[in-house]
PDB file of N, CA and C in Angstrom:
ATOM      1  N   MET A   1       0.836  -1.165   0.000  1.00  0.00           N
ATOM      2  CA  MET A   1       0.000   0.000   0.000  1.00  0.00           C
ATOM      3  C   MET A   1       0.891   1.243   0.000  1.00  0.00           C
ATOM      4  N   THR A   2       0.625   2.160  -0.890  1.00  0.00           N
ATOM      5  CA  THR A   2       1.420   3.388  -0.960  1.00  0.00           C
ATOM      6  C   THR A   2       0.966   4.368   0.117  1.00  0.00           C
ATOM      7  N   GLN A   3       1.792   5.368   0.364  1.00  0.00           N
ATOM      8  CA  GLN A   3       1.449   6.384   1.364  1.00  0.00           C
ATOM      9  C   GLN A   3       0.172   7.109   0.953  1.00  0.00           C
ATOM     10  N   ARG A   4       0.021   7.338  -0.340  1.00  0.00           N
ATOM     11  CA  ARG A   4      -1.172   8.037  -0.831  1.00  0.00           C
ATOM     12  C   ARG A   4      -2.425   7.222  -0.535  1.00  0.00           C
ATOM     13  N   GLU A   5      -2.350   5.894  -0.760  1.00  0.00           N
ATOM     14  CA  GLU A   5      -3.488   5.032  -0.482  1.00  0.00           C
ATOM     15  C   GLU A   5      -3.779   4.977   1.017  1.00  0.00           C
ATOM     16  N   ALA A   6      -2.734   5.001   1.835  1.00  0.00           N
ATOM     17  CA  ALA A   6      -2.902   4.937   3.281  1.00  0.00           C
ATOM     18  C   ALA A   6      -3.597   6.183   3.816  1.00  0.00           C
ATOM     19  N   ASN A   7      -3.420   7.335   3.158  1.00  0.00           N
ATOM     20  CA  ASN A   7      -4.013   8.587   3.613  1.00  0.00           C
ATOM     21  C   ASN A   7      -5.433   8.803   3.100  1.00  0.00           C
ATOM     22  N   ARG A   8      -5.869   7.972   2.179  1.00  0.00           N
ATOM     23  CA  ARG A   8      -7.219   8.144   1.634  1.00  0.00           C
ATOM     24  C   ARG A   8      -8.241   7.727   2.669  1.00  0.00           C
ATOM     25  N   SER A   9      -9.414   8.305   2.565  1.00  0.00           N
ATOM     26  CA  SER A   9     -10.489   7.914   3.476  1.00  0.00           C
ATOM     27  C   SER A   9     -11.663   7.423   2.635  1.00  0.00           C
ATOM     28  N   ALA A  10     -12.507   6.632   3.260  1.00  0.00           N
ATOM     29  CA  ALA A  10     -13.680   6.090   2.590  1.00  0.00           C
ATOM     30  C   ALA A  10     -14.921   6.711   3.214  1.00  0.00           C
ATOM     31  N   ARG A  11     -15.964   6.724   2.457  1.00  0.00           N
ATOM     32  CA  ARG A  11     -17.221   7.286   2.930  1.00  0.00           C
ATOM     33  C   ARG A  11     -18.056   6.178   3.543  1.00  0.00           C
ATOM     34  N   LEU A  12     -18.722   6.495   4.653  1.00  0.00           N
ATOM     35  CA  LEU A  12     -19.621   5.572   5.327  1.00  0.00           C
ATOM     36  C   LEU A  12     -20.944   6.301   5.519  1.00  0.00           C
ATOM     37  N   ALA A  13     -22.027   5.703   5.042  1.00  0.00           N
ATOM     38  CA  ALA A  13     -23.344   6.310   5.199  1.00  0.00           C
ATOM     39  C   ALA A  13     -24.181   5.433   6.120  1.00  0.00           C
ATOM     40  N   ALA A  14     -24.965   6.065   6.979  1.00  0.00           N
ATOM     41  CA  ALA A  14     -25.824   5.321   7.892  1.00  0.00           C
ATOM     42  C   ALA A  14     -27.087   6.131   8.168  1.00  0.00           C
ATOM     43  N   ARG A  15     -28.158   5.427   8.411  1.00  0.00           N
ATOM     44  CA  ARG A  15     -29.405   6.083   8.813  1.00  0.00           C
ATOM     45  C   ARG A  15     -29.453   6.074  10.333  1.00  0.00           C
ATOM     46  N   ILE A  16     -29.975   7.150  10.910  1.00  0.00           N
ATOM     47  CA  ILE A  16     -30.057   7.253  12.367  1.00  0.00           C
ATOM     48  C   ILE A  16     -31.351   7.967  12.722  1.00  0.00           C
ATOM     49  N   GLU A  17     -32.003   7.501  13.761  1.00  0.00           N
ATOM     50  CA  GLU A  17     -33.250   8.124  14.207  1.00  0.00           C
ATOM     51  C   GLU A  17     -32.948   9.502  14.779  1.00  0.00           C
ATOM     52  N   PRO A  18     -33.883  10.419  14.637  1.00  0.00           N
ATOM     53  CA  PRO A  18     -33.644  11.802  15.101  1.00  0.00           C
ATOM     54  C   PRO A  18     -33.223  11.906  16.568  1.00  0.00           C
ATOM     55  N   ASP A  19     -33.844  11.117  17.456  1.00  0.00           N
ATOM     56  CA  ASP A  19     -33.467  11.221  18.870  1.00  0.00           C
ATOM     57  C   ASP A  19     -32.045  10.696  19.108  1.00  0.00           C
ATOM     58  N   ALA A  20     -31.652   9.666  18.377  1.00  0.00           N
ATOM     59  CA  ALA A  20     -30.285   9.155  18.499  1.00  0.00           C
ATOM     60  C   ALA A  20     -29.299  10.181  17.943  1.00  0.00           C
ATOM     61  N   LEU A  21     -29.649  10.829  16.846  1.00  0.00           N
ATOM     62  CA  LEU A  21     -28.784  11.858  16.270  1.00  0.00           C
ATOM     63  C   LEU A  21     -28.600  13.015  17.238  1.00  0.00           C
ATOM     64  N   ALA A  22     -29.661  13.383  17.938  1.00  0.00           N
ATOM     65  CA  ALA A  22     -29.554  14.477  18.907  1.00  0.00           C
ATOM     66  C   ALA A  22     -28.559  14.113  20.014  1.00  0.00           C
ATOM     67  N   ILE A  23     -28.594  12.877  20.468  1.00  0.00           N
ATOM     68  CA  ILE A  23     -27.664  12.435  21.512  1.00  0.00           C
ATOM     69  C   ILE A  23     -26.228  12.456  20.989  1.00  0.00           C
ATOM     70  N   VAL A  24     -26.047  11.959  19.766  1.00  0.00           N
ATOM     71  CA  VAL A  24     -24.711  11.933  19.164  1.00  0.00           C
ATOM     72  C   VAL A  24     -24.191  13.358  18.976  1.00  0.00           C
ATOM     73  N   LYS A  25     -25.043  14.245  18.491  1.00  0.00           N
ATOM     74  CA  LYS A  25     -24.625  15.641  18.305  1.00  0.00           C
ATOM     75  C   LYS A  25     -24.208  16.264  19.635  1.00  0.00           C
ATOM     76  N   ARG A  26     -24.974  16.002  20.676  1.00  0.00           N
ATOM     77  CA  ARG A  26     -24.666  16.575  21.989  1.00  0.00           C
ATOM     78  C   ARG A  26     -23.330  16.042  22.506  1.00  0.00           C
ATOM     79  N   ALA A  27     -23.126  14.741  22.373  1.00  0.00           N
ATOM     80  CA  ALA A  27     -21.866  14.139  22.828  1.00  0.00           C
ATOM     81  C   ALA A  27     -20.690  14.701  22.035  1.00  0.00           C
ATOM     82  N   ALA A  28     -20.871  14.875  20.722  1.00  0.00           N
ATOM     83  CA  ALA A  28     -19.811  15.439  19.888  1.00  0.00           C
ATOM     84  C   ALA A  28     -19.488  16.857  20.325  1.00  0.00           C
ATOM     85  N   GLU A  29     -20.515  17.641  20.632  1.00  0.00           N
ATOM     86  CA  GLU A  29     -20.308  19.011  21.104  1.00  0.00           C
ATOM     87  C   GLU A  29     -19.518  19.019  22.415  1.00  0.00           C
ATOM     88  N   ILE A  30     -19.880  18.123  23.322  1.00  0.00           N
ATOM     89  CA  ILE A  30     -19.204  18.072  24.622  1.00  0.00           C
ATOM     90  C   ILE A  30     -17.716  17.801  24.436  1.00  0.00           C
ATOM     91  N   GLN A  31     -17.381  16.924  23.471  1.00  0.00           N
ATOM     92  CA  GLN A  31     -15.978  16.589  23.224  1.00  0.00           C
ATOM     93  C   GLN A  31     -15.302  17.560  22.258  1.00  0.00           C
ATOM     94  N   GLY A  32     -16.045  18.530  21.744  1.00  0.00           N
ATOM     95  CA  GLY A  32     -15.463  19.494  20.823  1.00  0.00           C
ATOM     96  C   GLY A  32     -15.105  18.884  19.476  1.00  0.00           C
ATOM     97  N   ARG A  33     -15.872  17.906  19.049  1.00  0.00           N
ATOM     98  CA  ARG A  33     -15.621  17.229  17.769  1.00  0.00           C
ATOM     99  C   ARG A  33     -16.803  17.419  16.843  1.00  0.00           C
ATOM    100  N   SER A  34     -16.555  17.156  15.578  1.00  0.00           N
ATOM    101  CA  SER A  34     -17.659  17.125  14.626  1.00  0.00           C
ATOM    102  C   SER A  34     -18.416  15.818  14.841  1.00  0.00           C
ATOM    103  N   VAL A  35     -19.654  15.780  14.374  1.00  0.00           N
ATOM    104  CA  VAL A  35     -20.442  14.550  14.480  1.00  0.00           C
ATOM    105  C   VAL A  35     -19.730  13.419  13.745  1.00  0.00           C
ATOM    106  N   SER A  36     -19.210  13.708  12.586  1.00  0.00           N
ATOM    107  CA  SER A  36     -18.517  12.691  11.805  1.00  0.00           C
ATOM    108  C   SER A  36     -17.315  12.137  12.564  1.00  0.00           C
ATOM    109  N   GLU A  37     -16.499  13.021  13.111  1.00  0.00           N
ATOM    110  CA  GLU A  37     -15.316  12.596  13.862  1.00  0.00           C
ATOM    111  C   GLU A  37     -15.721  11.778  15.086  1.00  0.00           C
ATOM    112  N   PHE A  38     -16.772  12.231  15.789  1.00  0.00           N
ATOM    113  CA  PHE A  38     -17.245  11.512  16.963  1.00  0.00           C
ATOM    114  C   PHE A  38     -17.714  10.108  16.598  1.00  0.00           C
ATOM    115  N   VAL A  39     -18.501   9.992  15.539  1.00  0.00           N
ATOM    116  CA  VAL A  39     -19.040   8.692  15.124  1.00  0.00           C
ATOM    117  C   VAL A  39     -17.921   7.757  14.685  1.00  0.00           C
ATOM    118  N   VAL A  40     -16.976   8.264  13.914  1.00  0.00           N
ATOM    119  CA  VAL A  40     -15.862   7.426  13.449  1.00  0.00           C
ATOM    120  C   VAL A  40     -15.042   6.934  14.640  1.00  0.00           C
ATOM    121  N   THR A  41     -14.747   7.801  15.588  1.00  0.00           N
ATOM    122  CA  THR A  41     -13.972   7.407  16.762  1.00  0.00           C
ATOM    123  C   THR A  41     -14.737   6.382  17.595  1.00  0.00           C
ATOM    124  N   ALA A  42     -16.027   6.618  17.808  1.00  0.00           N
ATOM    125  CA  ALA A  42     -16.838   5.686  18.593  1.00  0.00           C
ATOM    126  C   ALA A  42     -16.937   4.332  17.901  1.00  0.00           C
ATOM    127  N   ALA A  43     -17.092   4.330  16.584  1.00  0.00           N
ATOM    128  CA  ALA A  43     -17.186   3.075  15.839  1.00  0.00           C
ATOM    129  C   ALA A  43     -15.858   2.327  15.890  1.00  0.00           C
ATOM    130  N   ARG A  44     -14.757   3.043  15.727  1.00  0.00           N
ATOM    131  CA  ARG A  44     -13.436   2.409  15.779  1.00  0.00           C
ATOM    132  C   ARG A  44     -13.180   1.821  17.167  1.00  0.00           C
ATOM    133  N   ASP A  45     -13.530   2.554  18.217  1.00  0.00           N
ATOM    134  CA  ASP A  45     -13.346   2.052  19.587  1.00  0.00           C
ATOM    135  C   ASP A  45     -14.206   0.818  19.840  1.00  0.00           C
ATOM    136  N   ALA A  46     -15.449   0.853  19.390  1.00  0.00           N
ATOM    137  CA  ALA A  46     -16.343  -0.299  19.570  1.00  0.00           C
ATOM    138  C   ALA A  46     -15.834  -1.500  18.781  1.00  0.00           C
ATOM    139  N   ALA A  47     -15.324  -1.270  17.580  1.00  0.00           N
ATOM    140  CA  ALA A  47     -14.787  -2.360  16.768  1.00  0.00           C
ATOM    141  C   ALA A  47     -13.562  -2.973  17.435  1.00  0.00           C
ATOM    142  N   ALA A  48     -12.693  -2.143  17.958  1.00  0.00           N
ATOM    143  CA  ALA A  48     -11.486  -2.640  18.634  1.00  0.00           C
ATOM    144  C   ALA A  48     -11.862  -3.464  19.863  1.00  0.00           C
ATOM    145  N   ARG A  49     -12.860  -2.999  20.642  1.00  0.00           N
ATOM    146  CA  ARG A  49     -13.309  -3.768  21.811  1.00  0.00           C
ATOM    147  C   ARG A  49     -13.888  -5.112  21.395  1.00  0.00           C
ATOM    148  N   THR A  50     -14.680  -5.115  20.340  1.00  0.00           N
ATOM    149  CA  THR A  50     -15.290  -6.356  19.856  1.00  0.00           C
ATOM    150  C   THR A  50     -14.222  -7.347  19.426  1.00  0.00           C
ATOM    151  N   ILE A  51     -13.235  -6.875  18.690  1.00  0.00           N
ATOM    152  CA  ILE A  51     -12.147  -7.751  18.238  1.00  0.00           C
ATOM    153  C   ILE A  51     -11.369  -8.264  19.440  1.00  0.00           C
ATOM    154  N   GLU A  52     -11.066  -7.391  20.386  1.00  0.00           N
ATOM    155  CA  GLU A  52     -10.317  -7.799  21.575  1.00  0.00           C
ATOM    156  C   GLU A  52     -11.080  -8.866  22.355  1.00  0.00           C
ATOM    157  N   GLU A  53     -12.394  -8.694  22.473  1.00  0.00           N
ATOM    158  CA  GLU A  53     -13.200  -9.651  23.226  1.00  0.00           C
ATOM    159  C   GLU A  53     -13.199 -11.036  22.592  1.00  0.00           C
ATOM    160  N   THR A  54     -13.016 -11.116  21.275  1.00  0.00           N
ATOM    161  CA  THR A  54     -13.008 -12.420  20.620  1.00  0.00           C
ATOM    162  C   THR A  54     -11.606 -12.984  20.474  1.00  0.00           C
ATOM    163  N   GLU A  55     -10.585 -12.163  20.484  1.00  0.00           N
ATOM    164  CA  GLU A  55      -9.220 -12.648  20.289  1.00  0.00           C
ATOM    165  C   GLU A  55      -8.461 -12.855  21.593  1.00  0.00           C
ATOM    166  N   ILE A  56      -8.896 -12.224  22.651  1.00  0.00           N
ATOM    167  CA  ILE A  56      -8.198 -12.319  23.928  1.00  0.00           C
ATOM    168  C   ILE A  56      -9.154 -12.948  24.937  1.00  0.00           C
ATOM    169  N   PHE A  57      -8.688 -13.992  25.589  1.00  0.00           N
ATOM    170  CA  PHE A  57      -9.519 -14.564  26.644  1.00  0.00           C
ATOM    171  C   PHE A  57      -8.789 -14.434  27.965  1.00  0.00           C
ATOM    172  N   ARG A  58      -9.560 -14.197  28.989  1.00  0.00           N
ATOM    173  CA  ARG A  58      -8.986 -13.977  30.303  1.00  0.00           C
ATOM    174  C   ARG A  58      -9.348 -15.147  31.210  1.00  0.00           C
ATOM    175  N   LEU A  59      -8.385 -15.564  32.001  1.00  0.00           N
ATOM    176  CA  LEU A  59      -8.589 -16.676  32.916  1.00  0.00           C
ATOM    177  C   LEU A  59      -8.262 -16.251  34.342  1.00  0.00           C
ATOM    178  N   SER A  60      -8.928 -16.886  35.276  1.00  0.00           N
ATOM    179  CA  SER A  60      -8.571 -16.689  36.675  1.00  0.00           C
ATOM    180  C   SER A  60      -7.194 -17.302  36.884  1.00  0.00           C
ATOM    181  N   VAL A  61      -6.613 -17.065  38.036  1.00  0.00           N
ATOM    182  CA  VAL A  61      -5.307 -17.648  38.342  1.00  0.00           C
ATOM    183  C   VAL A  61      -5.403 -19.167  38.283  1.00  0.00           C
ATOM    184  N   ALA A  62      -6.470 -19.732  38.833  1.00  0.00           N
ATOM    185  CA  ALA A  62      -6.649 -21.188  38.794  1.00  0.00           C
ATOM    186  C   ALA A  62      -6.805 -21.666  37.354  1.00  0.00           C
ATOM    187  N   GLY A  63      -7.528 -20.910  36.548  1.00  0.00           N
ATOM    188  CA  GLY A  63      -7.692 -21.261  35.138  1.00  0.00           C
ATOM    189  C   GLY A  63      -6.380 -21.192  34.378  1.00  0.00           C
ATOM    190  N   GLN A  64      -5.576 -20.171  34.676  1.00  0.00           N
ATOM    191  CA  GLN A  64      -4.264 -20.050  34.042  1.00  0.00           C
ATOM    192  C   GLN A  64      -3.378 -21.239  34.397  1.00  0.00           C
ATOM    193  N   ARG A  65      -3.423 -21.634  35.652  1.00  0.00           N
ATOM    194  CA  ARG A  65      -2.616 -22.760  36.114  1.00  0.00           C
ATOM    195  C   ARG A  65      -3.057 -24.047  35.420  1.00  0.00           C
ATOM    196  N   ALA A  66      -4.362 -24.278  35.335  1.00  0.00           N
ATOM    197  CA  ALA A  66      -4.884 -25.481  34.694  1.00  0.00           C
ATOM    198  C   ALA A  66      -4.526 -25.493  33.211  1.00  0.00           C
ATOM    199  N   PHE A  67      -4.613 -24.347  32.567  1.00  0.00           N
ATOM    200  CA  PHE A  67      -4.270 -24.239  31.144  1.00  0.00           C
ATOM    201  C   PHE A  67      -2.791 -24.568  30.920  1.00  0.00           C
ATOM    202  N   ALA A  68      -1.919 -23.969  31.739  1.00  0.00           N
ATOM    203  CA  ALA A  68      -0.480 -24.211  31.609  1.00  0.00           C
ATOM    204  C   ALA A  68      -0.155 -25.681  31.859  1.00  0.00           C
ATOM    205  N   GLU A  69      -0.781 -26.268  32.872  1.00  0.00           N
ATOM    206  CA  GLU A  69      -0.524 -27.676  33.163  1.00  0.00           C
ATOM    207  C   GLU A  69      -0.979 -28.569  32.008  1.00  0.00           C
ATOM    208  N   ALA A  70      -2.112 -28.249  31.393  1.00  0.00           N
ATOM    209  CA  ALA A  70      -2.610 -29.046  30.271  1.00  0.00           C
ATOM    210  C   ALA A  70      -1.670 -28.949  29.073  1.00  0.00           C
ATOM    211  N   ILE A  71      -1.058 -27.796  28.873  1.00  0.00           N
ATOM    212  CA  ILE A  71      -0.106 -27.644  27.760  1.00  0.00           C
ATOM    213  C   ILE A  71       1.201 -28.373  28.075  1.00  0.00           C
ATOM    214  N   LEU A  72       1.685 -28.231  29.302  1.00  0.00           N
ATOM    215  CA  LEU A  72       2.965 -28.830  29.666  1.00  0.00           C
ATOM    216  C   LEU A  72       2.878 -30.348  29.847  1.00  0.00           C
ATOM    217  N   ASP A  73       1.727 -30.825  30.311  1.00  0.00           N
ATOM    218  CA  ASP A  73       1.562 -32.265  30.552  1.00  0.00           C
ATOM    219  C   ASP A  73       0.163 -32.670  30.088  1.00  0.00           C
ATOM    220  N   PRO A  74      -0.037 -32.746  28.761  1.00  0.00           N
ATOM    221  CA  PRO A  74      -1.382 -33.024  28.248  1.00  0.00           C
ATOM    222  C   PRO A  74      -1.836 -34.440  28.596  1.00  0.00           C
ATOM    223  N   PRO A  75      -3.131 -34.619  28.785  1.00  0.00           N
ATOM    224  CA  PRO A  75      -3.639 -35.959  29.070  1.00  0.00           C
ATOM    225  C   PRO A  75      -3.545 -36.834  27.822  1.00  0.00           C
ATOM    226  N   ALA A  76      -3.572 -38.134  28.025  1.00  0.00           N
ATOM    227  CA  ALA A  76      -3.565 -39.067  26.884  1.00  0.00           C
ATOM    228  C   ALA A  76      -4.857 -38.883  26.101  1.00  0.00           C
ATOM    229  N   PRO A  77      -4.800 -39.104  24.775  1.00  0.00           N
ATOM    230  CA  PRO A  77      -6.021 -38.963  23.974  1.00  0.00           C
ATOM    231  C   PRO A  77      -7.096 -39.956  24.435  1.00  0.00           C
ATOM    232  N   SER A  78      -8.318 -39.503  24.436  1.00  0.00           N
ATOM    233  CA  SER A  78      -9.428 -40.384  24.794  1.00  0.00           C
ATOM    234  C   SER A  78      -9.673 -41.374  23.652  1.00  0.00           C
ATOM    235  N   GLN A  79     -10.473 -42.393  23.915  1.00  0.00           N
ATOM    236  CA  GLN A  79     -10.769 -43.393  22.889  1.00  0.00           C
ATOM    237  C   GLN A  79     -11.454 -42.734  21.685  1.00  0.00           C
ATOM    238  N   GLY A  80     -12.362 -41.801  21.946  1.00  0.00           N
ATOM    239  CA  GLY A  80     -13.052 -41.107  20.857  1.00  0.00           C
ATOM    240  C   GLY A  80     -12.107 -40.276  20.007  1.00  0.00           C
ATOM    241  N   LEU A  81     -11.158 -39.611  20.664  1.00  0.00           N
ATOM    242  CA  LEU A  81     -10.189 -38.806  19.926  1.00  0.00           C
ATOM    243  C   LEU A  81      -9.283 -39.697  19.091  1.00  0.00           C
ATOM    244  N   ALA A  82      -8.867 -40.829  19.652  1.00  0.00           N
ATOM    245  CA  ALA A  82      -8.025 -41.763  18.898  1.00  0.00           C
ATOM    246  C   ALA A  82      -8.766 -42.277  17.660  1.00  0.00           C
ATOM    247  N   LYS A  83     -10.054 -42.564  17.796  1.00  0.00           N
ATOM    248  CA  LYS A  83     -10.855 -43.017  16.647  1.00  0.00           C
ATOM    249  C   LYS A  83     -10.961 -41.906  15.593  1.00  0.00           C
ATOM    250  N   ALA A  84     -11.109 -40.678  16.055  1.00  0.00           N
ATOM    251  CA  ALA A  84     -11.213 -39.546  15.128  1.00  0.00           C
ATOM    252  C   ALA A  84      -9.904 -39.355  14.367  1.00  0.00           C
ATOM    253  N   PHE A  85      -8.755 -39.477  15.059  1.00  0.00           N
ATOM    254  CA  PHE A  85      -7.454 -39.383  14.381  1.00  0.00           C
ATOM    255  C   PHE A  85      -7.314 -40.462  13.318  1.00  0.00           C
ATOM    256  N   ALA A  86      -7.704 -41.687  13.671  1.00  0.00           N
ATOM    257  CA  ALA A  86      -7.596 -42.802  12.720  1.00  0.00           C
ATOM    258  C   ALA A  86      -8.490 -42.556  11.503  1.00  0.00           C
ATOM    259  N   ALA A  87      -9.712 -42.083  11.738  1.00  0.00           N
ATOM    260  CA  ALA A  87     -10.617 -41.800  10.628  1.00  0.00           C
ATOM    261  C   ALA A  87     -10.051 -40.693   9.747  1.00  0.00           C
ATOM    262  N   HIS A  88      -9.445 -39.686  10.354  1.00  0.00           N
ATOM    263  CA  HIS A  88      -8.839 -38.592   9.602  1.00  0.00           C
ATOM    264  C   HIS A  88      -7.689 -39.103   8.741  1.00  0.00           C
ATOM    265  N   ARG A  89      -6.832 -39.946   9.320  1.00  0.00           N
ATOM    266  CA  ARG A  89      -5.711 -40.512   8.556  1.00  0.00           C
ATOM    267  C   ARG A  89      -6.220 -41.305   7.356  1.00  0.00           C
ATOM    268  N   ARG A  90      -7.267 -42.130   7.568  1.00  0.00           N
ATOM    269  CA  ARG A  90      -7.825 -42.906   6.447  1.00  0.00           C
ATOM    270  C   ARG A  90      -8.363 -41.977   5.362  1.00  0.00           C
ATOM    271  N   LEU A  91      -9.061 -40.964   5.774  1.00  0.00           N
ATOM    272  CA  LEU A  91      -9.656 -40.002   4.825  1.00  0.00           C
ATOM    273  C   LEU A  91      -8.565 -39.307   4.021  1.00  0.00           C
ATOM    274  N   ILE A  92      -7.507 -38.874   4.661  1.00  0.00           N
ATOM    275  CA  ILE A  92      -6.425 -38.183   3.982  1.00  0.00           C
ATOM    276  C   ILE A  92      -5.730 -39.126   3.015  1.00  0.00           C
ATOM    277  N   ARG A  93      -5.513 -40.391   3.413  1.00  0.00           N
ATOM    278  CA  ARG A  93      -4.889 -41.365   2.510  1.00  0.00           C
ATOM    279  C   ARG A  93      -5.746 -41.583   1.265  1.00  0.00           C
ATOM    280  N   GLU A  94      -7.067 -41.622   1.444  1.00  0.00           N
ATOM    281  CA  GLU A  94      -7.971 -41.842   0.316  1.00  0.00           C
ATOM    282  C   GLU A  94      -7.951 -40.658  -0.647  1.00  0.00           C
ATOM    283  N   VAL A  95      -7.808 -39.469  -0.143  1.00  0.00           N
ATOM    284  CA  VAL A  95      -7.811 -38.256  -0.980  1.00  0.00           C
ATOM    285  C   VAL A  95      -6.535 -38.170  -1.781  1.00  0.00           C
ATOM    286  N   ARG A  96      -5.416 -38.589  -1.212  1.00  0.00           N
ATOM    287  CA  ARG A  96      -4.131 -38.504  -1.904  1.00  0.00           C
ATOM    288  C   ARG A  96      -4.086 -39.562  -2.928  1.00  0.00           C
TER     289      ARG A  96
END
């Protein structure tokens, strides 16, 4: 991506109910921003939170300990998992 492409902006259009627009306008005024700037910032912040919530998981101390122990000393595969591995191997051999 060139610097020129990186500096370009795209247009986003949305419909908003009058009472919601009034709230957004008021919030933008309080922050000294334009409505457009306020909406873009709020949308970007909400998008970042949504992505973080799906990509980052938090565990209690006990959960962290259990997770680390499972990685360092995993349990033996169950009978069902062993059957699934065998079925997968057969399937892959048939495809090749």
